[in-house]
Amino acid sequence: MKYIKKPIVIEAIQLTWDNWNEICDFVDVPKNGRGVEDDMPKIAMEIYTLEGTHKANENDWIIKGVKGEFYPCKPDIFEMTYEKVEE
């Protein structure tokens, strides 16, 4: 059998240095924890999901699910799965 996802509107924000405070407000975490890896400016954040803790890396999308849960999504998967909704 084949299935199609029900069309639902989600909230999401892409993790970048420029919107760190907005991300922290979105997932309701303290505004500390920026990191540097291998001498390259990178940002990462631990996201507490229904399946446990997952790491969101720079440019990953953080999605708020239908039950208010959060989870990270790689940019290419996000692009294939979601379209922007005009408000």
PDB file of N, CA and C in Angstrom:
ATOM      1  N   MET A   1       0.829  -1.179   0.000  1.00  0.00           N
ATOM      2  CA  MET A   1       0.000   0.000   0.000  1.00  0.00           C
ATOM      3  C   MET A   1       0.874   1.243   0.000  1.00  0.00           C
ATOM      4  N   LYS A   2       0.353   2.311  -0.564  1.00  0.00           N
ATOM      5  CA  LYS A   2       1.058   3.581  -0.582  1.00  0.00           C
ATOM      6  C   LYS A   2       0.261   4.593   0.219  1.00  0.00           C
ATOM      7  N   TYR A   3       0.984   5.547   0.817  1.00  0.00           N
ATOM      8  CA  TYR A   3       0.361   6.592   1.616  1.00  0.00           C
ATOM      9  C   TYR A   3       0.969   7.934   1.249  1.00  0.00           C
ATOM     10  N   ILE A   4       0.216   8.989   1.493  1.00  0.00           N
ATOM     11  CA  ILE A   4       0.715  10.347   1.303  1.00  0.00           C
ATOM     12  C   ILE A   4       0.547  11.093   2.614  1.00  0.00           C
ATOM     13  N   LYS A   5       1.513  11.956   2.937  1.00  0.00           N
ATOM     14  CA  LYS A   5       1.418  12.751   4.150  1.00  0.00           C
ATOM     15  C   LYS A   5       0.228  13.691   4.072  1.00  0.00           C
ATOM     16  N   LYS A   6      -0.449  13.826   5.189  1.00  0.00           N
ATOM     17  CA  LYS A   6      -1.534  14.798   5.257  1.00  0.00           C
ATOM     18  C   LYS A   6      -0.919  16.196   5.177  1.00  0.00           C
ATOM     19  N   PRO A   7      -1.553  17.087   4.460  1.00  0.00           N
ATOM     20  CA  PRO A   7      -1.000  18.448   4.396  1.00  0.00           C
ATOM     21  C   PRO A   7      -1.236  19.180   5.718  1.00  0.00           C
ATOM     22  N   ILE A   8      -0.148  19.482   6.400  1.00  0.00           N
ATOM     23  CA  ILE A   8      -0.226  20.250   7.633  1.00  0.00           C
ATOM     24  C   ILE A   8       0.761  21.406   7.554  1.00  0.00           C
ATOM     25  N   VAL A   9       0.462  22.469   8.252  1.00  0.00           N
ATOM     26  CA  VAL A   9       1.364  23.612   8.310  1.00  0.00           C
ATOM     27  C   VAL A   9       2.239  23.446   9.542  1.00  0.00           C
ATOM     28  N   ILE A  10       3.550  23.562   9.350  1.00  0.00           N
ATOM     29  CA  ILE A  10       4.500  23.441  10.461  1.00  0.00           C
ATOM     30  C   ILE A  10       5.219  24.767  10.641  1.00  0.00           C
ATOM     31  N   GLU A  11       5.822  24.935  11.793  1.00  0.00           N
ATOM     32  CA  GLU A  11       6.713  26.062  12.028  1.00  0.00           C
ATOM     33  C   GLU A  11       8.131  25.526  11.955  1.00  0.00           C
ATOM     34  N   ALA A  12       9.028  26.282  11.323  1.00  0.00           N
ATOM     35  CA  ALA A  12      10.420  25.855  11.213  1.00  0.00           C
ATOM     36  C   ALA A  12      11.306  27.081  11.084  1.00  0.00           C
ATOM     37  N   ILE A  13      12.546  26.920  11.492  1.00  0.00           N
ATOM     38  CA  ILE A  13      13.533  27.995  11.375  1.00  0.00           C
ATOM     39  C   ILE A  13      14.884  27.354  11.097  1.00  0.00           C
ATOM     40  N   GLN A  14      15.672  27.981  10.242  1.00  0.00           N
ATOM     41  CA  GLN A  14      16.982  27.437   9.885  1.00  0.00           C
ATOM     42  C   GLN A  14      18.032  27.940  10.865  1.00  0.00           C
ATOM     43  N   LEU A  15      18.861  27.021  11.348  1.00  0.00           N
ATOM     44  CA  LEU A  15      19.893  27.327  12.345  1.00  0.00           C
ATOM     45  C   LEU A  15      21.087  28.015  11.691  1.00  0.00           C
ATOM     46  N   THR A  16      21.315  29.274  12.040  1.00  0.00           N
ATOM     47  CA  THR A  16      22.470  30.035  11.553  1.00  0.00           C
ATOM     48  C   THR A  16      23.007  30.898  12.695  1.00  0.00           C
ATOM     49  N   TRP A  17      24.201  31.436  12.524  1.00  0.00           N
ATOM     50  CA  TRP A  17      24.754  32.358  13.521  1.00  0.00           C
ATOM     51  C   TRP A  17      23.870  33.594  13.646  1.00  0.00           C
ATOM     52  N   ASP A  18      23.338  34.054  12.530  1.00  0.00           N
ATOM     53  CA  ASP A  18      22.595  35.317  12.520  1.00  0.00           C
ATOM     54  C   ASP A  18      21.292  35.273  13.303  1.00  0.00           C
ATOM     55  N   ASN A  19      20.717  34.087  13.500  1.00  0.00           N
ATOM     56  CA  ASN A  19      19.437  34.035  14.190  1.00  0.00           C
ATOM     57  C   ASN A  19      19.482  33.195  15.473  1.00  0.00           C
ATOM     58  N   TRP A  20      20.650  33.122  16.103  1.00  0.00           N
ATOM     59  CA  TRP A  20      20.814  32.310  17.307  1.00  0.00           C
ATOM     60  C   TRP A  20      19.768  32.644  18.374  1.00  0.00           C
ATOM     61  N   ASN A  21      19.559  33.921  18.675  1.00  0.00           N
ATOM     62  CA  ASN A  21      18.599  34.296  19.707  1.00  0.00           C
ATOM     63  C   ASN A  21      17.184  33.889  19.329  1.00  0.00           C
ATOM     64  N   GLU A  22      16.833  34.046  18.060  1.00  0.00           N
ATOM     65  CA  GLU A  22      15.515  33.645  17.583  1.00  0.00           C
ATOM     66  C   GLU A  22      15.318  32.130  17.713  1.00  0.00           C
ATOM     67  N   ILE A  23      16.363  31.365  17.384  1.00  0.00           N
ATOM     68  CA  ILE A  23      16.321  29.908  17.530  1.00  0.00           C
ATOM     69  C   ILE A  23      16.104  29.533  18.993  1.00  0.00           C
ATOM     70  N   CYS A  24      16.877  30.142  19.885  1.00  0.00           N
ATOM     71  CA  CYS A  24      16.755  29.828  21.310  1.00  0.00           C
ATOM     72  C   CYS A  24      15.356  30.137  21.819  1.00  0.00           C
ATOM     73  N   ASP A  25      14.781  31.244  21.390  1.00  0.00           N
ATOM     74  CA  ASP A  25      13.403  31.565  21.773  1.00  0.00           C
ATOM     75  C   ASP A  25      12.430  30.537  21.203  1.00  0.00           C
ATOM     76  N   PHE A  26      12.655  30.127  19.969  1.00  0.00           N
ATOM     77  CA  PHE A  26      11.778  29.181  19.285  1.00  0.00           C
ATOM     78  C   PHE A  26      11.699  27.846  20.030  1.00  0.00           C
ATOM     79  N   VAL A  27      12.862  27.315  20.439  1.00  0.00           N
ATOM     80  CA  VAL A  27      12.894  26.019  21.117  1.00  0.00           C
ATOM     81  C   VAL A  27      12.938  26.155  22.635  1.00  0.00           C
ATOM     82  N   ASP A  28      12.893  27.400  23.119  1.00  0.00           N
ATOM     83  CA  ASP A  28      12.834  27.695  24.552  1.00  0.00           C
ATOM     84  C   ASP A  28      14.024  27.112  25.316  1.00  0.00           C
ATOM     85  N   VAL A  29      15.233  27.526  24.883  1.00  0.00           N
ATOM     86  CA  VAL A  29      16.462  27.138  25.580  1.00  0.00           C
ATOM     87  C   VAL A  29      17.273  28.391  25.887  1.00  0.00           C
ATOM     88  N   PRO A  30      18.210  28.315  26.859  1.00  0.00           N
ATOM     89  CA  PRO A  30      19.053  29.476  27.166  1.00  0.00           C
ATOM     90  C   PRO A  30      19.873  29.912  25.952  1.00  0.00           C
ATOM     91  N   LYS A  31      20.218  31.178  25.907  1.00  0.00           N
ATOM     92  CA  LYS A  31      20.921  31.738  24.745  1.00  0.00           C
ATOM     93  C   LYS A  31      22.437  31.580  24.860  1.00  0.00           C
ATOM     94  N   ASN A  32      22.901  30.498  25.450  1.00  0.00           N
ATOM     95  CA  ASN A  32      24.335  30.202  25.468  1.00  0.00           C
ATOM     96  C   ASN A  32      24.546  28.894  24.728  1.00  0.00           C
ATOM     97  N   GLY A  33      25.774  28.479  24.538  1.00  0.00           N
ATOM     98  CA  GLY A  33      26.024  27.188  23.920  1.00  0.00           C
ATOM     99  C   GLY A  33      26.551  27.258  22.504  1.00  0.00           C
ATOM    100  N   ARG A  34      26.885  28.451  22.017  1.00  0.00           N
ATOM    101  CA  ARG A  34      27.509  28.514  20.688  1.00  0.00           C
ATOM    102  C   ARG A  34      28.804  27.737  20.730  1.00  0.00           C
ATOM    103  N   GLY A  35      29.186  27.158  19.604  1.00  0.00           N
ATOM    104  CA  GLY A  35      30.392  26.347  19.611  1.00  0.00           C
ATOM    105  C   GLY A  35      31.240  26.533  18.375  1.00  0.00           C
ATOM    106  N   VAL A  36      32.493  26.155  18.492  1.00  0.00           N
ATOM    107  CA  VAL A  36      33.416  26.174  17.368  1.00  0.00           C
ATOM    108  C   VAL A  36      33.983  24.773  17.246  1.00  0.00           C
ATOM    109  N   GLU A  37      34.040  24.241  16.049  1.00  0.00           N
ATOM    110  CA  GLU A  37      34.530  22.898  15.795  1.00  0.00           C
ATOM    111  C   GLU A  37      35.665  22.960  14.782  1.00  0.00           C
ATOM    112  N   ASP A  38      36.749  22.283  15.057  1.00  0.00           N
ATOM    113  CA  ASP A  38      37.868  22.187  14.105  1.00  0.00           C
ATOM    114  C   ASP A  38      38.330  23.548  13.582  1.00  0.00           C
ATOM    115  N   ASP A  39      38.364  24.541  14.444  1.00  0.00           N
ATOM    116  CA  ASP A  39      38.808  25.899  14.089  1.00  0.00           C
ATOM    117  C   ASP A  39      37.974  26.540  12.984  1.00  0.00           C
ATOM    118  N   MET A  40      36.807  26.004  12.692  1.00  0.00           N
ATOM    119  CA  MET A  40      35.903  26.598  11.706  1.00  0.00           C
ATOM    120  C   MET A  40      34.683  27.114  12.450  1.00  0.00           C
ATOM    121  N   PRO A  41      34.214  28.285  12.091  1.00  0.00           N
ATOM    122  CA  PRO A  41      33.037  28.804  12.791  1.00  0.00           C
ATOM    123  C   PRO A  41      31.789  28.002  12.429  1.00  0.00           C
ATOM    124  N   LYS A  42      31.357  27.172  13.350  1.00  0.00           N
ATOM    125  CA  LYS A  42      30.165  26.362  13.152  1.00  0.00           C
ATOM    126  C   LYS A  42      29.268  26.547  14.364  1.00  0.00           C
ATOM    127  N   ILE A  43      28.036  26.262  14.182  1.00  0.00           N
ATOM    128  CA  ILE A  43      27.089  26.358  15.276  1.00  0.00           C
ATOM    129  C   ILE A  43      26.320  25.049  15.331  1.00  0.00           C
ATOM    130  N   ALA A  44      26.006  24.621  16.524  1.00  0.00           N
ATOM    131  CA  ALA A  44      25.232  23.402  16.707  1.00  0.00           C
ATOM    132  C   ALA A  44      24.389  23.553  17.962  1.00  0.00           C
ATOM    133  N   MET A  45      23.343  22.752  18.033  1.00  0.00           N
ATOM    134  CA  MET A  45      22.445  22.816  19.175  1.00  0.00           C
ATOM    135  C   MET A  45      21.860  21.429  19.394  1.00  0.00           C
ATOM    136  N   GLU A  46      21.720  21.054  20.657  1.00  0.00           N
ATOM    137  CA  GLU A  46      21.042  19.803  20.970  1.00  0.00           C
ATOM    138  C   GLU A  46      19.548  20.073  21.009  1.00  0.00           C
ATOM    139  N   ILE A  47      18.796  19.238  20.311  1.00  0.00           N
ATOM    140  CA  ILE A  47      17.347  19.356  20.260  1.00  0.00           C
ATOM    141  C   ILE A  47      16.762  18.153  20.986  1.00  0.00           C
ATOM    142  N   TYR A  48      15.881  18.418  21.921  1.00  0.00           N
ATOM    143  CA  TYR A  48      15.236  17.341  22.672  1.00  0.00           C
ATOM    144  C   TYR A  48      13.975  16.932  21.929  1.00  0.00           C
ATOM    145  N   THR A  49      13.990  15.731  21.363  1.00  0.00           N
ATOM    146  CA  THR A  49      12.896  15.231  20.530  1.00  0.00           C
ATOM    147  C   THR A  49      12.138  14.140  21.277  1.00  0.00           C
ATOM    148  N   LEU A  50      11.072  13.667  20.682  1.00  0.00           N
ATOM    149  CA  LEU A  50      10.312  12.560  21.274  1.00  0.00           C
ATOM    150  C   LEU A  50      11.136  11.274  21.284  1.00  0.00           C
ATOM    151  N   GLU A  51      12.148  11.188  20.413  1.00  0.00           N
ATOM    152  CA  GLU A  51      13.002   9.997  20.326  1.00  0.00           C
ATOM    153  C   GLU A  51      14.305  10.155  21.097  1.00  0.00           C
ATOM    154  N   GLY A  52      14.479  11.242  21.822  1.00  0.00           N
ATOM    155  CA  GLY A  52      15.717  11.498  22.547  1.00  0.00           C
ATOM    156  C   GLY A  52      16.395  12.752  22.022  1.00  0.00           C
ATOM    157  N   THR A  53      17.645  12.952  22.398  1.00  0.00           N
ATOM    158  CA  THR A  53      18.387  14.144  22.016  1.00  0.00           C
ATOM    159  C   THR A  53      19.031  13.963  20.645  1.00  0.00           C
ATOM    160  N   HIS A  54      18.872  14.955  19.779  1.00  0.00           N
ATOM    161  CA  HIS A  54      19.498  14.963  18.464  1.00  0.00           C
ATOM    162  C   HIS A  54      20.251  16.271  18.289  1.00  0.00           C
ATOM    163  N   LYS A  55      21.314  16.229  17.505  1.00  0.00           N
ATOM    164  CA  LYS A  55      22.117  17.417  17.248  1.00  0.00           C
ATOM    165  C   LYS A  55      21.653  18.091  15.959  1.00  0.00           C
ATOM    166  N   ALA A  56      21.388  19.393  16.052  1.00  0.00           N
ATOM    167  CA  ALA A  56      21.106  20.200  14.870  1.00  0.00           C
ATOM    168  C   ALA A  56      22.377  20.981  14.555  1.00  0.00           C
ATOM    169  N   ASN A  57      22.837  20.883  13.325  1.00  0.00           N
ATOM    170  CA  ASN A  57      24.041  21.583  12.887  1.00  0.00           C
ATOM    171  C   ASN A  57      23.683  22.844  12.116  1.00  0.00           C
ATOM    172  N   GLU A  58      24.693  23.656  11.866  1.00  0.00           N
ATOM    173  CA  GLU A  58      24.496  24.881  11.105  1.00  0.00           C
ATOM    174  C   GLU A  58      23.774  24.582   9.791  1.00  0.00           C
ATOM    175  N   ASN A  59      22.776  25.370   9.489  1.00  0.00           N
ATOM    176  CA  ASN A  59      21.925  25.297   8.296  1.00  0.00           C
ATOM    177  C   ASN A  59      20.869  24.199   8.343  1.00  0.00           C
ATOM    178  N   ASP A  60      20.872  23.354   9.371  1.00  0.00           N
ATOM    179  CA  ASP A  60      19.753  22.436   9.546  1.00  0.00           C
ATOM    180  C   ASP A  60      18.508  23.249   9.886  1.00  0.00           C
ATOM    181  N   TRP A  61      17.371  22.697   9.581  1.00  0.00           N
ATOM    182  CA  TRP A  61      16.099  23.311   9.944  1.00  0.00           C
ATOM    183  C   TRP A  61      15.639  22.684  11.250  1.00  0.00           C
ATOM    184  N   ILE A  62      15.095  23.495  12.137  1.00  0.00           N
ATOM    185  CA  ILE A  62      14.482  22.994  13.357  1.00  0.00           C
ATOM    186  C   ILE A  62      12.985  23.130  13.167  1.00  0.00           C
ATOM    187  N   ILE A  63      12.303  22.000  13.245  1.00  0.00           N
ATOM    188  CA  ILE A  63      10.873  21.942  12.965  1.00  0.00           C
ATOM    189  C   ILE A  63      10.110  21.731  14.267  1.00  0.00           C
ATOM    190  N   LYS A  64       9.020  22.465  14.399  1.00  0.00           N
ATOM    191  CA  LYS A  64       8.102  22.252  15.508  1.00  0.00           C
ATOM    192  C   LYS A  64       6.994  21.348  14.998  1.00  0.00           C
ATOM    193  N   GLY A  65       6.870  20.172  15.587  1.00  0.00           N
ATOM    194  CA  GLY A  65       5.908  19.181  15.126  1.00  0.00           C
ATOM    195  C   GLY A  65       4.485  19.465  15.568  1.00  0.00           C
ATOM    196  N   VAL A  66       3.579  18.596  15.173  1.00  0.00           N
ATOM    197  CA  VAL A  66       2.152  18.799  15.412  1.00  0.00           C
ATOM    198  C   VAL A  66       1.779  18.721  16.894  1.00  0.00           C
ATOM    199  N   LYS A  67       2.620  18.110  17.714  1.00  0.00           N
ATOM    200  CA  LYS A  67       2.357  18.043  19.150  1.00  0.00           C
ATOM    201  C   LYS A  67       3.226  19.014  19.938  1.00  0.00           C
ATOM    202  N   GLY A  68       3.884  19.958  19.233  1.00  0.00           N
ATOM    203  CA  GLY A  68       4.732  20.941  19.891  1.00  0.00           C
ATOM    204  C   GLY A  68       6.151  20.461  20.116  1.00  0.00           C
ATOM    205  N   GLU A  69       6.474  19.276  19.633  1.00  0.00           N
ATOM    206  CA  GLU A  69       7.824  18.740  19.781  1.00  0.00           C
ATOM    207  C   GLU A  69       8.742  19.357  18.720  1.00  0.00           C
ATOM    208  N   PHE A  70      10.044  19.292  18.949  1.00  0.00           N
ATOM    209  CA  PHE A  70      11.022  19.842  18.014  1.00  0.00           C
ATOM    210  C   PHE A  70      11.899  18.726  17.482  1.00  0.00           C
ATOM    211  N   TYR A  71      12.360  18.899  16.264  1.00  0.00           N
ATOM    212  CA  TYR A  71      13.331  17.962  15.716  1.00  0.00           C
ATOM    213  C   TYR A  71      14.089  18.632  14.575  1.00  0.00           C
ATOM    214  N   PRO A  72      15.367  18.237  14.379  1.00  0.00           N
ATOM    215  CA  PRO A  72      16.170  18.812  13.299  1.00  0.00           C
ATOM    216  C   PRO A  72      15.901  18.107  11.973  1.00  0.00           C
ATOM    217  N   CYS A  73      16.136  18.841  10.883  1.00  0.00           N
ATOM    218  CA  CYS A  73      15.949  18.296   9.539  1.00  0.00           C
ATOM    219  C   CYS A  73      17.044  18.869   8.639  1.00  0.00           C
ATOM    220  N   LYS A  74      17.718  18.010   7.903  1.00  0.00           N
ATOM    221  CA  LYS A  74      18.768  18.451   6.984  1.00  0.00           C
ATOM    222  C   LYS A  74      18.156  19.313   5.877  1.00  0.00           C
ATOM    223  N   PRO A  75      18.918  20.317   5.399  1.00  0.00           N
ATOM    224  CA  PRO A  75      18.383  21.256   4.403  1.00  0.00           C
ATOM    225  C   PRO A  75      17.849  20.595   3.135  1.00  0.00           C
ATOM    226  N   ASP A  76      18.514  19.559   2.624  1.00  0.00           N
ATOM    227  CA  ASP A  76      18.041  18.936   1.385  1.00  0.00           C
ATOM    228  C   ASP A  76      16.717  18.194   1.595  1.00  0.00           C
ATOM    229  N   ILE A  77      16.565  17.538   2.729  1.00  0.00           N
ATOM    230  CA  ILE A  77      15.311  16.850   3.045  1.00  0.00           C
ATOM    231  C   ILE A  77      14.192  17.871   3.256  1.00  0.00           C
ATOM    232  N   PHE A  78      14.506  18.961   3.949  1.00  0.00           N
ATOM    233  CA  PHE A  78      13.515  20.008   4.180  1.00  0.00           C
ATOM    234  C   PHE A  78      13.017  20.566   2.851  1.00  0.00           C
ATOM    235  N   GLU A  79      13.945  20.833   1.950  1.00  0.00           N
ATOM    236  CA  GLU A  79      13.606  21.393   0.630  1.00  0.00           C
ATOM    237  C   GLU A  79      12.699  20.449  -0.168  1.00  0.00           C
ATOM    238  N   MET A  80      12.935  19.135  -0.071  1.00  0.00           N
ATOM    239  CA  MET A  80      12.135  18.164  -0.810  1.00  0.00           C
ATOM    240  C   MET A  80      10.761  17.938  -0.168  1.00  0.00           C
ATOM    241  N   THR A  81      10.631  18.252   1.116  1.00  0.00           N
ATOM    242  CA  THR A  81       9.429  17.899   1.852  1.00  0.00           C
ATOM    243  C   THR A  81       8.471  19.071   2.076  1.00  0.00           C
ATOM    244  N   TYR A  82       8.992  20.279   2.210  1.00  0.00           N
ATOM    245  CA  TYR A  82       8.170  21.416   2.602  1.00  0.00           C
ATOM    246  C   TYR A  82       8.195  22.544   1.590  1.00  0.00           C
ATOM    247  N   GLU A  83       7.103  23.297   1.538  1.00  0.00           N
ATOM    248  CA  GLU A  83       7.001  24.520   0.745  1.00  0.00           C
ATOM    249  C   GLU A  83       6.637  25.654   1.697  1.00  0.00           C
ATOM    250  N   LYS A  84       7.141  26.851   1.423  1.00  0.00           N
ATOM    251  CA  LYS A  84       6.814  27.999   2.248  1.00  0.00           C
ATOM    252  C   LYS A  84       5.351  28.378   2.053  1.00  0.00           C
ATOM    253  N   VAL A  85       4.680  28.693   3.152  1.00  0.00           N
ATOM    254  CA  VAL A  85       3.289  29.119   3.120  1.00  0.00           C
ATOM    255  C   VAL A  85       3.267  30.635   3.229  1.00  0.00           C
ATOM    256  N   GLU A  86       2.594  31.265   2.304  1.00  0.00           N
ATOM    257  CA  GLU A  86       2.454  32.716   2.369  1.00  0.00           C
ATOM    258  C   GLU A  86       1.374  33.042   3.401  1.00  0.00           C
ATOM    259  N   GLU A  87       1.706  33.957   4.301  1.00  0.00           N
ATOM    260  CA  GLU A  87       0.739  34.322   5.347  1.00  0.00           C
ATOM    261  C   GLU A  87      -0.104  35.497   4.933  1.00  0.00           C
TER     262      GLU A  87
END
